[in-house]
PDB file of N, CA and C in Angstrom:
ATOM      1  N   UNK A   1     -14.643  13.549   0.369  1.00  0.00           N
ATOM      2  CA  UNK A   1     -13.334  13.319   0.946  1.00  0.00           C
ATOM      3  C   UNK A   1     -12.281  13.530  -0.134  1.00  0.00           C
ATOM      4  N   UNK A   2     -11.215  14.225   0.204  1.00  0.00           N
ATOM      5  CA  UNK A   2     -10.130  14.515  -0.718  1.00  0.00           C
ATOM      6  C   UNK A   2      -9.233  13.288  -0.867  1.00  0.00           C
ATOM      7  N   UNK A   3      -8.850  12.979  -2.095  1.00  0.00           N
ATOM      8  CA  UNK A   3      -7.987  11.829  -2.344  1.00  0.00           C
ATOM      9  C   UNK A   3      -6.538  12.193  -2.033  1.00  0.00           C
ATOM     10  N   UNK A   4      -5.807  11.250  -1.461  1.00  0.00           N
ATOM     11  CA  UNK A   4      -4.411  11.469  -1.090  1.00  0.00           C
ATOM     12  C   UNK A   4      -3.511  11.463  -2.320  1.00  0.00           C
ATOM     13  N   UNK A   5      -2.419  12.200  -2.263  1.00  0.00           N
ATOM     14  CA  UNK A   5      -1.460  12.193  -3.358  1.00  0.00           C
ATOM     15  C   UNK A   5      -0.275  11.279  -3.047  1.00  0.00           C
ATOM     16  N   UNK A   6      -0.454  10.368  -2.084  1.00  0.00           N
ATOM     17  CA  UNK A   6       0.556   9.371  -1.739  1.00  0.00           C
ATOM     18  C   UNK A   6      -0.046   7.988  -1.976  1.00  0.00           C
ATOM     19  N   UNK A   7       0.698   7.150  -2.664  1.00  0.00           N
ATOM     20  CA  UNK A   7       0.285   5.761  -2.895  1.00  0.00           C
ATOM     21  C   UNK A   7       1.320   4.843  -2.272  1.00  0.00           C
ATOM     22  N   UNK A   8       0.884   3.690  -1.804  1.00  0.00           N
ATOM     23  CA  UNK A   8       1.787   2.673  -1.275  1.00  0.00           C
ATOM     24  C   UNK A   8       2.024   1.677  -2.409  1.00  0.00           C
ATOM     25  N   UNK A   9       3.279   1.596  -2.871  1.00  0.00           N
ATOM     26  CA  UNK A   9       3.612   0.746  -4.017  1.00  0.00           C
ATOM     27  C   UNK A   9       4.827  -0.127  -3.710  1.00  0.00           C
ATOM     28  N   UNK A  10       5.018  -1.143  -4.529  1.00  0.00           N
ATOM     29  CA  UNK A  10       6.162  -2.043  -4.415  1.00  0.00           C
ATOM     30  C   UNK A  10       7.390  -1.367  -5.018  1.00  0.00           C
ATOM     31  N   UNK A  11       8.520  -1.444  -4.322  1.00  0.00           N
ATOM     32  CA  UNK A  11       9.783  -0.892  -4.830  1.00  0.00           C
ATOM     33  C   UNK A  11      10.228  -1.593  -6.104  1.00  0.00           C
ATOM     34  N   UNK A  12       9.976  -2.901  -6.187  1.00  0.00           N
ATOM     35  CA  UNK A  12      10.490  -3.691  -7.299  1.00  0.00           C
ATOM     36  C   UNK A  12       9.617  -3.640  -8.552  1.00  0.00           C
ATOM     37  N   UNK A  13       8.323  -3.954  -8.408  1.00  0.00           N
ATOM     38  CA  UNK A  13       7.470  -4.063  -9.595  1.00  0.00           C
ATOM     39  C   UNK A  13       6.592  -2.839  -9.827  1.00  0.00           C
ATOM     40  N   UNK A  14       6.419  -1.980  -8.808  1.00  0.00           N
ATOM     41  CA  UNK A  14       5.637  -0.758  -8.968  1.00  0.00           C
ATOM     42  C   UNK A  14       4.139  -0.922  -8.808  1.00  0.00           C
ATOM     43  N   UNK A  15       3.664  -2.139  -8.529  1.00  0.00           N
ATOM     44  CA  UNK A  15       2.235  -2.355  -8.325  1.00  0.00           C
ATOM     45  C   UNK A  15       1.803  -1.773  -6.988  1.00  0.00           C
ATOM     46  N   UNK A  16       0.519  -1.387  -6.908  1.00  0.00           N
ATOM     47  CA  UNK A  16      -0.019  -0.880  -5.646  1.00  0.00           C
ATOM     48  C   UNK A  16      -0.007  -2.000  -4.613  1.00  0.00           C
ATOM     49  N   UNK A  17       0.345  -1.651  -3.375  1.00  0.00           N
ATOM     50  CA  UNK A  17       0.468  -2.634  -2.298  1.00  0.00           C
ATOM     51  C   UNK A  17      -0.885  -3.267  -1.993  1.00  0.00           C
ATOM     52  N   UNK A  18      -0.892  -4.563  -1.670  1.00  0.00           N
ATOM     53  CA  UNK A  18      -2.136  -5.217  -1.285  1.00  0.00           C
ATOM     54  C   UNK A  18      -2.609  -4.735   0.082  1.00  0.00           C
ATOM     55  N   UNK A  19      -3.916  -4.639   0.239  1.00  0.00           N
ATOM     56  CA  UNK A  19      -4.511  -4.205   1.508  1.00  0.00           C
ATOM     57  C   UNK A  19      -4.504  -5.366   2.494  1.00  0.00           C
ATOM     58  N   UNK A  20      -4.131  -5.081   3.729  1.00  0.00           N
ATOM     59  CA  UNK A  20      -4.149  -6.066   4.804  1.00  0.00           C
ATOM     60  C   UNK A  20      -5.508  -5.951   5.498  1.00  0.00           C
ATOM     61  N   UNK A  21      -6.430  -6.826   5.141  1.00  0.00           N
ATOM     62  CA  UNK A  21      -7.797  -6.746   5.650  1.00  0.00           C
ATOM     63  C   UNK A  21      -7.895  -7.068   7.142  1.00  0.00           C
ATOM     64  N   UNK A  22      -6.943  -7.823   7.685  1.00  0.00           N
ATOM     65  CA  UNK A  22      -6.962  -8.152   9.118  1.00  0.00           C
ATOM     66  C   UNK A  22      -6.627  -6.939   9.975  1.00  0.00           C
ATOM     67  N   UNK A  23      -5.730  -6.071   9.493  1.00  0.00           N
ATOM     68  CA  UNK A  23      -5.299  -4.905  10.266  1.00  0.00           C
ATOM     69  C   UNK A  23      -6.110  -3.646   9.947  1.00  0.00           C
ATOM     70  N   UNK A  24      -6.810  -3.635   8.828  1.00  0.00           N
ATOM     71  CA  UNK A  24      -7.590  -2.463   8.431  1.00  0.00           C
ATOM     72  C   UNK A  24      -8.828  -2.320   9.310  1.00  0.00           C
ATOM     73  N   UNK A  25      -9.261  -1.070   9.491  1.00  0.00           N
ATOM     74  CA  UNK A  25     -10.477  -0.786  10.243  1.00  0.00           C
ATOM     75  C   UNK A  25     -11.397   0.056   9.371  1.00  0.00           C
ATOM     76  N   UNK A  26     -12.514   0.448   9.924  1.00  0.00           N
ATOM     77  CA  UNK A  26     -13.477   1.274   9.201  1.00  0.00           C
ATOM     78  C   UNK A  26     -12.864   2.636   8.834  1.00  0.00           C
ATOM     79  N   UNK A  27     -11.977   3.145   9.685  1.00  0.00           N
ATOM     80  CA  UNK A  27     -11.391   4.465   9.490  1.00  0.00           C
ATOM     81  C   UNK A  27      -9.969   4.454   8.945  1.00  0.00           C
ATOM     82  N   UNK A  28      -9.349   3.294   8.850  1.00  0.00           N
ATOM     83  CA  UNK A  28      -7.944   3.225   8.487  1.00  0.00           C
ATOM     84  C   UNK A  28      -7.691   2.036   7.570  1.00  0.00           C
ATOM     85  N   UNK A  29      -6.975   2.266   6.467  1.00  0.00           N
ATOM     86  CA  UNK A  29      -6.604   1.182   5.561  1.00  0.00           C
ATOM     87  C   UNK A  29      -5.150   0.827   5.814  1.00  0.00           C
ATOM     88  N   UNK A  30      -4.894  -0.432   6.143  1.00  0.00           N
ATOM     89  CA  UNK A  30      -3.532  -0.914   6.377  1.00  0.00           C
ATOM     90  C   UNK A  30      -3.081  -1.712   5.157  1.00  0.00           C
ATOM     91  N   UNK A  31      -1.831  -1.516   4.780  1.00  0.00           N
ATOM     92  CA  UNK A  31      -1.264  -2.219   3.631  1.00  0.00           C
ATOM     93  C   UNK A  31      -0.241  -3.233   4.098  1.00  0.00           C
ATOM     94  N   UNK A  32      -0.062  -4.297   3.324  1.00  0.00           N
ATOM     95  CA  UNK A  32       0.924  -5.315   3.655  1.00  0.00           C
ATOM     96  C   UNK A  32       2.324  -4.775   3.412  1.00  0.00           C
ATOM     97  N   UNK A  33       3.306  -5.300   4.171  1.00  0.00           N
ATOM     98  CA  UNK A  33       4.697  -4.854   4.059  1.00  0.00           C
ATOM     99  C   UNK A  33       5.395  -5.442   2.841  1.00  0.00           C
ATOM    100  N   UNK A  34       4.930  -6.580   2.378  1.00  0.00           N
ATOM    101  CA  UNK A  34       5.551  -7.261   1.244  1.00  0.00           C
ATOM    102  C   UNK A  34       4.549  -7.373   0.103  1.00  0.00           C
ATOM    103  N   UNK A  35       5.045  -7.215  -1.114  1.00  0.00           N
ATOM    104  CA  UNK A  35       4.235  -7.379  -2.321  1.00  0.00           C
ATOM    105  C   UNK A  35       4.158  -8.865  -2.665  1.00  0.00           C
ATOM    106  N   UNK A  36       3.260  -9.200  -3.576  1.00  0.00           N
ATOM    107  CA  UNK A  36       3.135 -10.579  -4.039  1.00  0.00           C
ATOM    108  C   UNK A  36       4.415 -11.059  -4.717  1.00  0.00           C
ATOM    109  N   UNK A  37       5.176 -10.129  -5.330  1.00  0.00           N
ATOM    110  CA  UNK A  37       6.429 -10.490  -6.022  1.00  0.00           C
ATOM    111  C   UNK A  37       7.586 -10.672  -5.047  1.00  0.00           C
ATOM    112  N   UNK A  38       7.387 -10.310  -3.766  1.00  0.00           N
ATOM    113  CA  UNK A  38       8.423 -10.443  -2.756  1.00  0.00           C
ATOM    114  C   UNK A  38       9.116  -9.125  -2.434  1.00  0.00           C
ATOM    115  N   UNK A  39       8.786  -8.058  -3.158  1.00  0.00           N
ATOM    116  CA  UNK A  39       9.398  -6.755  -2.929  1.00  0.00           C
ATOM    117  C   UNK A  39       8.804  -6.041  -1.720  1.00  0.00           C
ATOM    118  N   UNK A  40       9.516  -5.036  -1.252  1.00  0.00           N
ATOM    119  CA  UNK A  40       9.101  -4.228  -0.106  1.00  0.00           C
ATOM    120  C   UNK A  40       8.189  -3.106  -0.577  1.00  0.00           C
ATOM    121  N   UNK A  41       7.127  -2.815   0.182  1.00  0.00           N
ATOM    122  CA  UNK A  41       6.213  -1.728  -0.179  1.00  0.00           C
ATOM    123  C   UNK A  41       6.642  -0.439   0.504  1.00  0.00           C
ATOM    124  N   UNK A  42       6.548   0.663  -0.247  1.00  0.00           N
ATOM    125  CA  UNK A  42       6.984   1.972   0.245  1.00  0.00           C
ATOM    126  C   UNK A  42       5.988   3.035  -0.198  1.00  0.00           C
ATOM    127  N   UNK A  43       5.886   4.167   0.555  1.00  0.00           N
ATOM    128  CA  UNK A  43       5.031   5.267   0.113  1.00  0.00           C
ATOM    129  C   UNK A  43       5.715   6.024  -1.025  1.00  0.00           C
ATOM    130  N   UNK A  44       4.909   6.506  -1.990  1.00  0.00           N
ATOM    131  CA  UNK A  44       5.448   7.228  -3.129  1.00  0.00           C
ATOM    132  C   UNK A  44       4.496   8.371  -3.495  1.00  0.00           C
ATOM    133  N   UNK A  45       5.049   9.564  -3.708  1.00  0.00           N
ATOM    134  CA  UNK A  45       4.249  10.713  -4.143  1.00  0.00           C
ATOM    135  C   UNK A  45       3.861  10.521  -5.601  1.00  0.00           C
ATOM    136  N   UNK A  46       2.607  10.906  -5.915  1.00  0.00           N
ATOM    137  CA  UNK A  46       2.172  10.821  -7.310  1.00  0.00           C
ATOM    138  C   UNK A  46       1.920  12.196  -7.869  1.00  0.00           C
TER     139      UNK A  46
END
């Protein structure tokens, strides 16, 4: 499987967004909307 060139990161601290295990499925990874620091998570090209 080819790795994506988009990462979901926090706007404020730049850490990778935490995975939302309740919403994730076998075929899809869901990320939380808020970071642990309180910042908003956004997609970013790497």
